[in-house]
Amino acid sequence: MTDVKNRIDETVKASDVVLFMKGTKEMPQCGFSSRVAGVLNYIGVDYTDVNVLADEDIRSGIKEYSDWPTIPQLYIKGEFVGGCDIITEMTLSGELDGMFEQNSIAFDKDAADKIREANG
C-alpha cells in the first residue's frame, strides 16, 4: 500500500464517521460537499471532515482508495458508503438512519425525520 493510501486508511479507521469533502464542515467549498455536510450537521452526527483541497495527494488518492470518481465520500466504521447522491437517497429513505443505528452512532432521529418530511 502506498503512503497516501496508508494515510487515508488510517484516517478512515480512526473515526466512526469520516467525510472526505471539498472544504470543511464549517465552510464547504462545493455544493455536493455542502449537501452531505449539511445533512450530517443537521442530524447531529459527530464526524471527521477531511478537506481534500488542502492535500492533492489525498484528493486523488481517495478516488483510488474507494474506486469512486467523485468527492464527497462518506465512510462509516471504515466502510465506504457513497457520495452525495447516494447519501441524499439514503437520508430520504431512512436507510442512513438504519446504518447509524446498526453501528451505534449517535444522531438526532427527529431531525432526520424533519428532513424526510420537508422533502416528502
C-alpha atoms as a PDB file:
ATOM      1  CA  MET A   1       0.000   0.000   0.000  1.00  0.00           C
ATOM      2  CA  THR A   2       1.329   3.432  -0.848  1.00  0.00           C
ATOM      3  CA  ASP A   3       1.972   6.134   1.690  1.00  0.00           C
ATOM      4  CA  VAL A   4      -1.137   8.112   0.720  1.00  0.00           C
ATOM      5  CA  LYS A   5      -3.317   5.009   0.824  1.00  0.00           C
ATOM      6  CA  ASN A   6      -1.928   4.244   4.283  1.00  0.00           C
ATOM      7  CA  ARG A   7      -2.743   7.778   5.415  1.00  0.00           C
ATOM      8  CA  ILE A   8      -6.288   7.500   4.046  1.00  0.00           C
ATOM      9  CA  ASP A   9      -6.732   4.055   5.571  1.00  0.00           C
ATOM     10  CA  GLU A  10      -5.598   5.304   8.986  1.00  0.00           C
ATOM     11  CA  THR A  11      -7.968   8.288   8.749  1.00  0.00           C
ATOM     12  CA  VAL A  12     -10.936   6.156   7.716  1.00  0.00           C
ATOM     13  CA  LYS A  13     -10.333   3.706  10.549  1.00  0.00           C
ATOM     14  CA  ALA A  14      -9.598   6.352  13.228  1.00  0.00           C
ATOM     15  CA  SER A  15     -13.168   7.706  13.405  1.00  0.00           C
ATOM     16  CA  ASP A  16     -16.619   6.138  13.196  1.00  0.00           C
ATOM     17  CA  VAL A  17     -17.729   8.606  10.532  1.00  0.00           C
ATOM     18  CA  VAL A  18     -15.380  10.324   8.076  1.00  0.00           C
ATOM     19  CA  LEU A  19     -16.327  12.676   5.257  1.00  0.00           C
ATOM     20  CA  PHE A  20     -13.786  13.443   2.553  1.00  0.00           C
ATOM     21  CA  MET A  21     -15.016  16.711   1.130  1.00  0.00           C
ATOM     22  CA  LYS A  22     -14.086  19.918  -0.643  1.00  0.00           C
ATOM     23  CA  GLY A  23     -13.703  22.423   2.167  1.00  0.00           C
ATOM     24  CA  THR A  24     -14.563  21.860   5.799  1.00  0.00           C
ATOM     25  CA  LYS A  25     -17.768  21.000   7.605  1.00  0.00           C
ATOM     26  CA  GLU A  26     -17.909  24.635   8.735  1.00  0.00           C
ATOM     27  CA  MET A  27     -17.145  26.002   5.268  1.00  0.00           C
ATOM     28  CA  PRO A  28     -17.839  23.564   2.401  1.00  0.00           C
ATOM     29  CA  GLN A  29     -16.333  24.608  -0.932  1.00  0.00           C
ATOM     30  CA  CYS A  30     -18.751  22.861  -3.311  1.00  0.00           C
ATOM     31  CA  GLY A  31     -22.473  22.218  -3.401  1.00  0.00           C
ATOM     32  CA  PHE A  32     -22.206  18.442  -3.158  1.00  0.00           C
ATOM     33  CA  SER A  33     -19.929  18.592  -0.130  1.00  0.00           C
ATOM     34  CA  SER A  34     -22.198  21.225   1.373  1.00  0.00           C
ATOM     35  CA  ARG A  35     -25.241  18.978   0.980  1.00  0.00           C
ATOM     36  CA  VAL A  36     -23.664  15.954   2.692  1.00  0.00           C
ATOM     37  CA  ALA A  37     -22.068  18.023   5.465  1.00  0.00           C
ATOM     38  CA  GLY A  38     -25.382  19.830   5.885  1.00  0.00           C
ATOM     39  CA  VAL A  39     -27.214  16.531   6.451  1.00  0.00           C
ATOM     40  CA  LEU A  40     -24.620  15.281   8.925  1.00  0.00           C
ATOM     41  CA  ASN A  41     -24.525  18.607  10.759  1.00  0.00           C
ATOM     42  CA  TYR A  42     -28.312  18.887  10.865  1.00  0.00           C
ATOM     43  CA  ILE A  43     -28.832  15.417  12.292  1.00  0.00           C
ATOM     44  CA  GLY A  44     -26.028  15.928  14.791  1.00  0.00           C
ATOM     45  CA  VAL A  45     -23.593  13.232  13.727  1.00  0.00           C
ATOM     46  CA  ASP A  46     -20.097  13.551  15.174  1.00  0.00           C
ATOM     47  CA  TYR A  47     -17.755  13.107  12.205  1.00  0.00           C
ATOM     48  CA  THR A  48     -14.269  13.836  10.990  1.00  0.00           C
ATOM     49  CA  ASP A  49     -14.018  16.023   7.917  1.00  0.00           C
ATOM     50  CA  VAL A  50     -11.051  15.836   5.566  1.00  0.00           C
ATOM     51  CA  ASN A  51     -10.570  18.785   3.217  1.00  0.00           C
ATOM     52  CA  VAL A  52      -9.247  17.246   0.006  1.00  0.00           C
ATOM     53  CA  LEU A  53      -8.482  20.716  -1.371  1.00  0.00           C
ATOM     54  CA  ALA A  54      -5.736  21.056   1.220  1.00  0.00           C
ATOM     55  CA  ASP A  55      -3.824  17.976   0.001  1.00  0.00           C
ATOM     56  CA  GLU A  56      -3.610  16.984  -3.660  1.00  0.00           C
ATOM     57  CA  ASP A  57      -2.304  13.511  -2.767  1.00  0.00           C
ATOM     58  CA  ILE A  58      -5.416  12.864  -0.642  1.00  0.00           C
ATOM     59  CA  ARG A  59      -7.673  14.391  -3.306  1.00  0.00           C
ATOM     60  CA  SER A  60      -6.504  11.966  -5.986  1.00  0.00           C
ATOM     61  CA  GLY A  61      -5.715   9.108  -3.613  1.00  0.00           C
ATOM     62  CA  ILE A  62      -9.204   8.905  -2.126  1.00  0.00           C
ATOM     63  CA  LYS A  63     -10.637   8.202  -5.576  1.00  0.00           C
ATOM     64  CA  GLU A  64      -8.304   5.228  -5.985  1.00  0.00           C
ATOM     65  CA  TYR A  65      -8.850   4.102  -2.401  1.00  0.00           C
ATOM     66  CA  SER A  66     -12.619   3.812  -2.867  1.00  0.00           C
ATOM     67  CA  ASP A  67     -12.650   3.242  -6.624  1.00  0.00           C
ATOM     68  CA  TRP A  68     -15.226   6.049  -6.685  1.00  0.00           C
ATOM     69  CA  PRO A  69     -14.628   9.009  -9.020  1.00  0.00           C
ATOM     70  CA  THR A  70     -16.217  11.874  -7.136  1.00  0.00           C
ATOM     71  CA  ILE A  71     -15.963  13.794  -3.879  1.00  0.00           C
ATOM     72  CA  PRO A  72     -17.535  13.962  -1.284  1.00  0.00           C
ATOM     73  CA  GLN A  73     -17.146  10.430   0.031  1.00  0.00           C
ATOM     74  CA  LEU A  74     -18.658   9.220   3.282  1.00  0.00           C
ATOM     75  CA  TYR A  75     -17.211   6.364   5.353  1.00  0.00           C
ATOM     76  CA  ILE A  76     -18.920   4.727   8.312  1.00  0.00           C
ATOM     77  CA  LYS A  77     -16.921   2.372  10.518  1.00  0.00           C
ATOM     78  CA  GLY A  78     -14.238   2.135   7.866  1.00  0.00           C
ATOM     79  CA  GLU A  79     -16.630   1.237   5.054  1.00  0.00           C
ATOM     80  CA  PHE A  80     -17.261   3.416   2.022  1.00  0.00           C
ATOM     81  CA  VAL A  81     -20.950   4.383   1.932  1.00  0.00           C
ATOM     82  CA  GLY A  82     -21.218   6.692  -1.064  1.00  0.00           C
ATOM     83  CA  GLY A  83     -21.191  10.157  -2.500  1.00  0.00           C
ATOM     84  CA  CYS A  84     -23.682  12.997  -2.459  1.00  0.00           C
ATOM     85  CA  ASP A  85     -26.492  11.385  -4.475  1.00  0.00           C
ATOM     86  CA  ILE A  86     -26.303   8.120  -2.541  1.00  0.00           C
ATOM     87  CA  ILE A  87     -26.234   9.877   0.832  1.00  0.00           C
ATOM     88  CA  THR A  88     -29.186  12.043  -0.214  1.00  0.00           C
ATOM     89  CA  GLU A  89     -31.195   8.970  -1.250  1.00  0.00           C
ATOM     90  CA  MET A  90     -30.224   7.081   1.919  1.00  0.00           C
ATOM     91  CA  THR A  91     -31.243  10.058   4.056  1.00  0.00           C
ATOM     92  CA  LEU A  92     -34.638  10.361   2.380  1.00  0.00           C
ATOM     93  CA  SER A  93     -35.317   6.608   2.525  1.00  0.00           C
ATOM     94  CA  GLY A  94     -34.237   6.270   6.161  1.00  0.00           C
ATOM     95  CA  GLU A  95     -31.500   3.824   5.184  1.00  0.00           C
ATOM     96  CA  LEU A  96     -28.820   6.143   6.589  1.00  0.00           C
ATOM     97  CA  ASP A  97     -30.651   6.155   9.952  1.00  0.00           C
ATOM     98  CA  GLY A  98     -30.518   2.375   9.953  1.00  0.00           C
ATOM     99  CA  MET A  99     -26.818   2.389   9.194  1.00  0.00           C
ATOM    100  CA  PHE A 100     -26.138   4.758  12.093  1.00  0.00           C
ATOM    101  CA  GLU A 101     -28.323   2.698  14.426  1.00  0.00           C
ATOM    102  CA  GLN A 102     -26.705  -0.562  13.335  1.00  0.00           C
ATOM    103  CA  ASN A 103     -23.256   0.885  14.078  1.00  0.00           C
ATOM    104  CA  SER A 104     -24.288   2.550  17.377  1.00  0.00           C
ATOM    105  CA  ILE A 105     -23.546   6.031  16.037  1.00  0.00           C
ATOM    106  CA  ALA A 106     -25.495   8.789  17.779  1.00  0.00           C
ATOM    107  CA  PHE A 107     -27.679  11.072  15.681  1.00  0.00           C
ATOM    108  CA  ASP A 108     -30.884  13.079  16.036  1.00  0.00           C
ATOM    109  CA  LYS A 109     -33.649  10.865  14.628  1.00  0.00           C
ATOM    110  CA  ASP A 110     -36.208  13.683  14.924  1.00  0.00           C
ATOM    111  CA  ALA A 111     -34.028  15.929  12.759  1.00  0.00           C
ATOM    112  CA  ALA A 112     -33.657  13.140  10.197  1.00  0.00           C
ATOM    113  CA  ASP A 113     -37.453  12.743  10.179  1.00  0.00           C
ATOM    114  CA  LYS A 114     -37.792  16.507   9.586  1.00  0.00           C
ATOM    115  CA  ILE A 115     -35.578  16.229   6.500  1.00  0.00           C
ATOM    116  CA  ARG A 116     -37.839  13.494   5.153  1.00  0.00           C
ATOM    117  CA  GLU A 117     -40.999  15.469   5.997  1.00  0.00           C
ATOM    118  CA  ALA A 118     -39.645  18.548   4.222  1.00  0.00           C
ATOM    119  CA  ASN A 119     -38.743  16.509   1.135  1.00  0.00           C
ATOM    120  CA  GLY A 120     -41.601  14.034   1.124  1.00  0.00           C
END
